[in-house]
Structure formats: structure tokens, C-alpha cells
Amino acid sequence: MKLSIMKTPAGFDCKYFYGDYFRGRNLEECRLLGAAWEPRLCRVCPVPSIDRANACPSMRLQATVVRPLTAAFQKRVRVTTFCEKTSRTGFDPYTGCGDCHSLPSLFTLKD
């Protein structure tokens, strides 16, 4: 399934957000969060910034809505990662798993 990039209610481009406004419709949904999505979660969601930082086609994101103990009334989005190529989980989504993309020779040390 090809996901098109749409602008969220918070003003960010996100490939998981879908809005249908054709002929007066007002259908909005997050295809990553599903039924737990609320429009105000788009302001605190890290997924658009992760997509801007890392465009690895093998990385898959899973998101859940959590309530941290420090902010009892504020919901947050927690993102976990999975790499389909290396089958690794739990890595930093902003940098990737480290195996899919090697560093350019400019950044490697020469002996």
C-alpha cells in the first residue's frame, strides 16, 4: 500500500495521516495509531520528524499512545522500531539500525 503524504492538523507532513475532505466530508485518521488517534496528538507525535531524519525503506514504525507519570493529563506517542532487513528492534529511529546504510568513505577512518 502506497501512502501519500498529507499535512496533519498540527501542520506537519506525515505519510500516516489521512484526511478526506471531498464534497464536505471531514474524515481524518492516523493509519499508524488507528483508533487511539486524536487530532491533538499530532502536535506531540515524533513520527514526522523521524521520517525527515531517516528515510530507510526497511524501517517499520509501531506507535502507541501512553500517559507518562509526570504528565497525567497529557497523552504522548511512543514509537518502537523494527528493521525488516536485519530483523533488529529497539534502535534509535532517527539514526536507523546501523546495518542498512553504511557510512560514506568521507566519514570512515583510514589507516
Protein backbone atom coordinates (compact mmCIF):
# COMPACT_ATOMS: atom_id res chain seq x y z
CA MET A 1 0.00 0.00 0.00
CA LYS A 2 1.49 3.31 -1.08
CA LEU A 3 0.97 6.07 1.45
CA SER A 4 0.61 9.64 0.25
CA ILE A 5 1.97 12.46 2.34
CA MET A 6 -0.65 14.77 3.85
CA LYS A 7 -0.48 17.70 6.21
CA THR A 8 -1.61 16.91 9.78
CA PRO A 9 -3.82 19.20 11.89
CA ALA A 10 -0.59 20.39 13.56
CA GLY A 11 0.87 21.45 10.19
CA PHE A 12 3.45 18.68 9.69
CA ASP A 13 3.76 16.44 6.64
CA CYS A 14 3.08 12.82 7.65
CA LYS A 15 2.65 9.76 5.47
CA TYR A 16 0.45 8.03 8.08
CA PHE A 17 -2.14 10.82 8.35
CA TYR A 18 -5.17 10.65 6.06
CA GLY A 19 -7.80 13.31 5.58
CA ASP A 20 -10.80 13.08 3.27
CA TYR A 21 -12.44 16.45 2.71
CA PHE A 22 -14.10 15.77 -0.66
CA ARG A 23 -17.57 17.31 -1.02
CA GLY A 24 -17.94 18.32 2.60
CA ARG A 25 -16.57 15.18 4.21
CA ASN A 26 -14.45 15.63 7.29
CA LEU A 27 -12.78 12.24 7.79
CA GLU A 28 -9.37 12.34 9.48
CA GLU A 29 -7.37 9.38 10.75
CA CYS A 30 -3.86 8.25 11.60
CA ARG A 31 -3.09 4.96 9.95
CA LEU A 32 -0.25 4.29 12.38
CA LEU A 33 -2.16 4.81 15.64
CA GLY A 34 -5.56 3.63 14.46
CA ALA A 35 -8.48 4.03 16.86
CA ALA A 36 -6.32 5.61 19.60
CA TRP A 37 -5.66 8.70 17.44
CA GLU A 38 -6.86 12.17 18.38
CA PRO A 39 -6.09 15.35 16.39
CA ARG A 40 -4.21 16.93 19.31
CA LEU A 41 -1.71 14.02 19.33
CA CYS A 42 -0.26 15.33 16.06
CA ARG A 43 1.38 18.20 17.98
CA VAL A 44 3.47 15.82 20.14
CA CYS A 45 3.95 12.96 17.68
CA PRO A 46 7.61 12.25 16.79
CA VAL A 47 6.82 10.36 13.55
CA PRO A 48 7.04 13.32 11.11
CA SER A 49 10.48 14.28 12.45
CA ILE A 50 11.60 10.63 12.29
CA ASP A 51 10.55 10.46 8.64
CA ARG A 52 12.50 13.64 7.89
CA ALA A 53 15.63 12.27 9.61
CA ASN A 54 15.59 8.68 8.34
CA ALA A 55 14.11 7.52 5.05
CA CYS A 56 15.21 3.88 5.28
CA PRO A 57 12.71 1.73 3.35
CA SER A 58 13.40 -1.27 5.63
CA MET A 59 12.48 0.50 8.87
CA ARG A 60 8.97 -0.06 10.20
CA LEU A 61 7.42 2.02 12.97
CA GLN A 62 4.90 0.93 15.56
CA ALA A 63 3.26 3.59 17.69
CA THR A 64 1.23 3.52 20.89
CA VAL A 65 -0.43 6.23 22.95
CA VAL A 66 0.89 6.44 26.53
CA ARG A 67 0.35 8.66 29.54
CA PRO A 68 3.62 9.40 31.37
CA LEU A 69 3.52 9.62 35.15
CA THR A 70 4.87 13.18 35.11
CA ALA A 71 2.06 14.45 32.87
CA ALA A 72 -1.12 12.73 33.99
CA PHE A 73 -3.48 14.54 31.58
CA GLN A 74 -1.21 14.74 28.54
CA LYS A 75 -1.05 11.80 26.17
CA ARG A 76 2.18 11.07 24.30
CA VAL A 77 3.06 8.90 21.31
CA ARG A 78 5.68 6.21 21.92
CA VAL A 79 7.39 4.82 18.82
CA THR A 80 9.14 1.45 18.57
CA THR A 81 11.15 0.38 15.56
CA PHE A 82 11.77 -2.78 13.56
CA CYS A 83 14.16 -3.32 10.65
CA GLU A 84 12.86 -5.79 8.07
CA LYS A 85 16.29 -6.29 6.51
CA THR A 86 18.25 -7.15 9.68
CA SER A 87 15.32 -8.17 11.97
CA ARG A 88 16.58 -5.82 14.69
CA THR A 89 14.28 -3.99 17.08
CA GLY A 90 14.60 -1.19 19.59
CA PHE A 91 17.14 1.03 17.82
CA ASP A 92 17.07 4.81 17.60
CA PRO A 93 14.62 5.67 14.80
CA TYR A 94 16.42 8.90 13.95
CA THR A 95 19.68 7.12 13.04
CA GLY A 96 18.46 3.67 11.98
CA CYS A 97 19.72 0.19 12.78
CA GLY A 98 23.26 0.88 11.55
CA ASP A 99 23.44 -2.06 9.15
CA CYS A 100 21.19 -1.00 6.28
CA HIS A 101 23.18 2.06 5.24
CA SER A 102 26.92 2.21 5.55
CA LEU A 103 28.73 5.49 6.17
CA PRO A 104 30.29 7.22 3.17
CA SER A 105 34.06 6.86 2.81
CA LEU A 106 34.41 10.51 3.83
CA PHE A 107 33.45 9.57 7.41
CA THR A 108 35.47 6.36 7.82
CA LEU A 109 38.93 6.28 9.37
CA LYS A 110 41.91 5.49 7.15
CA ASP A 111 44.92 3.59 8.48
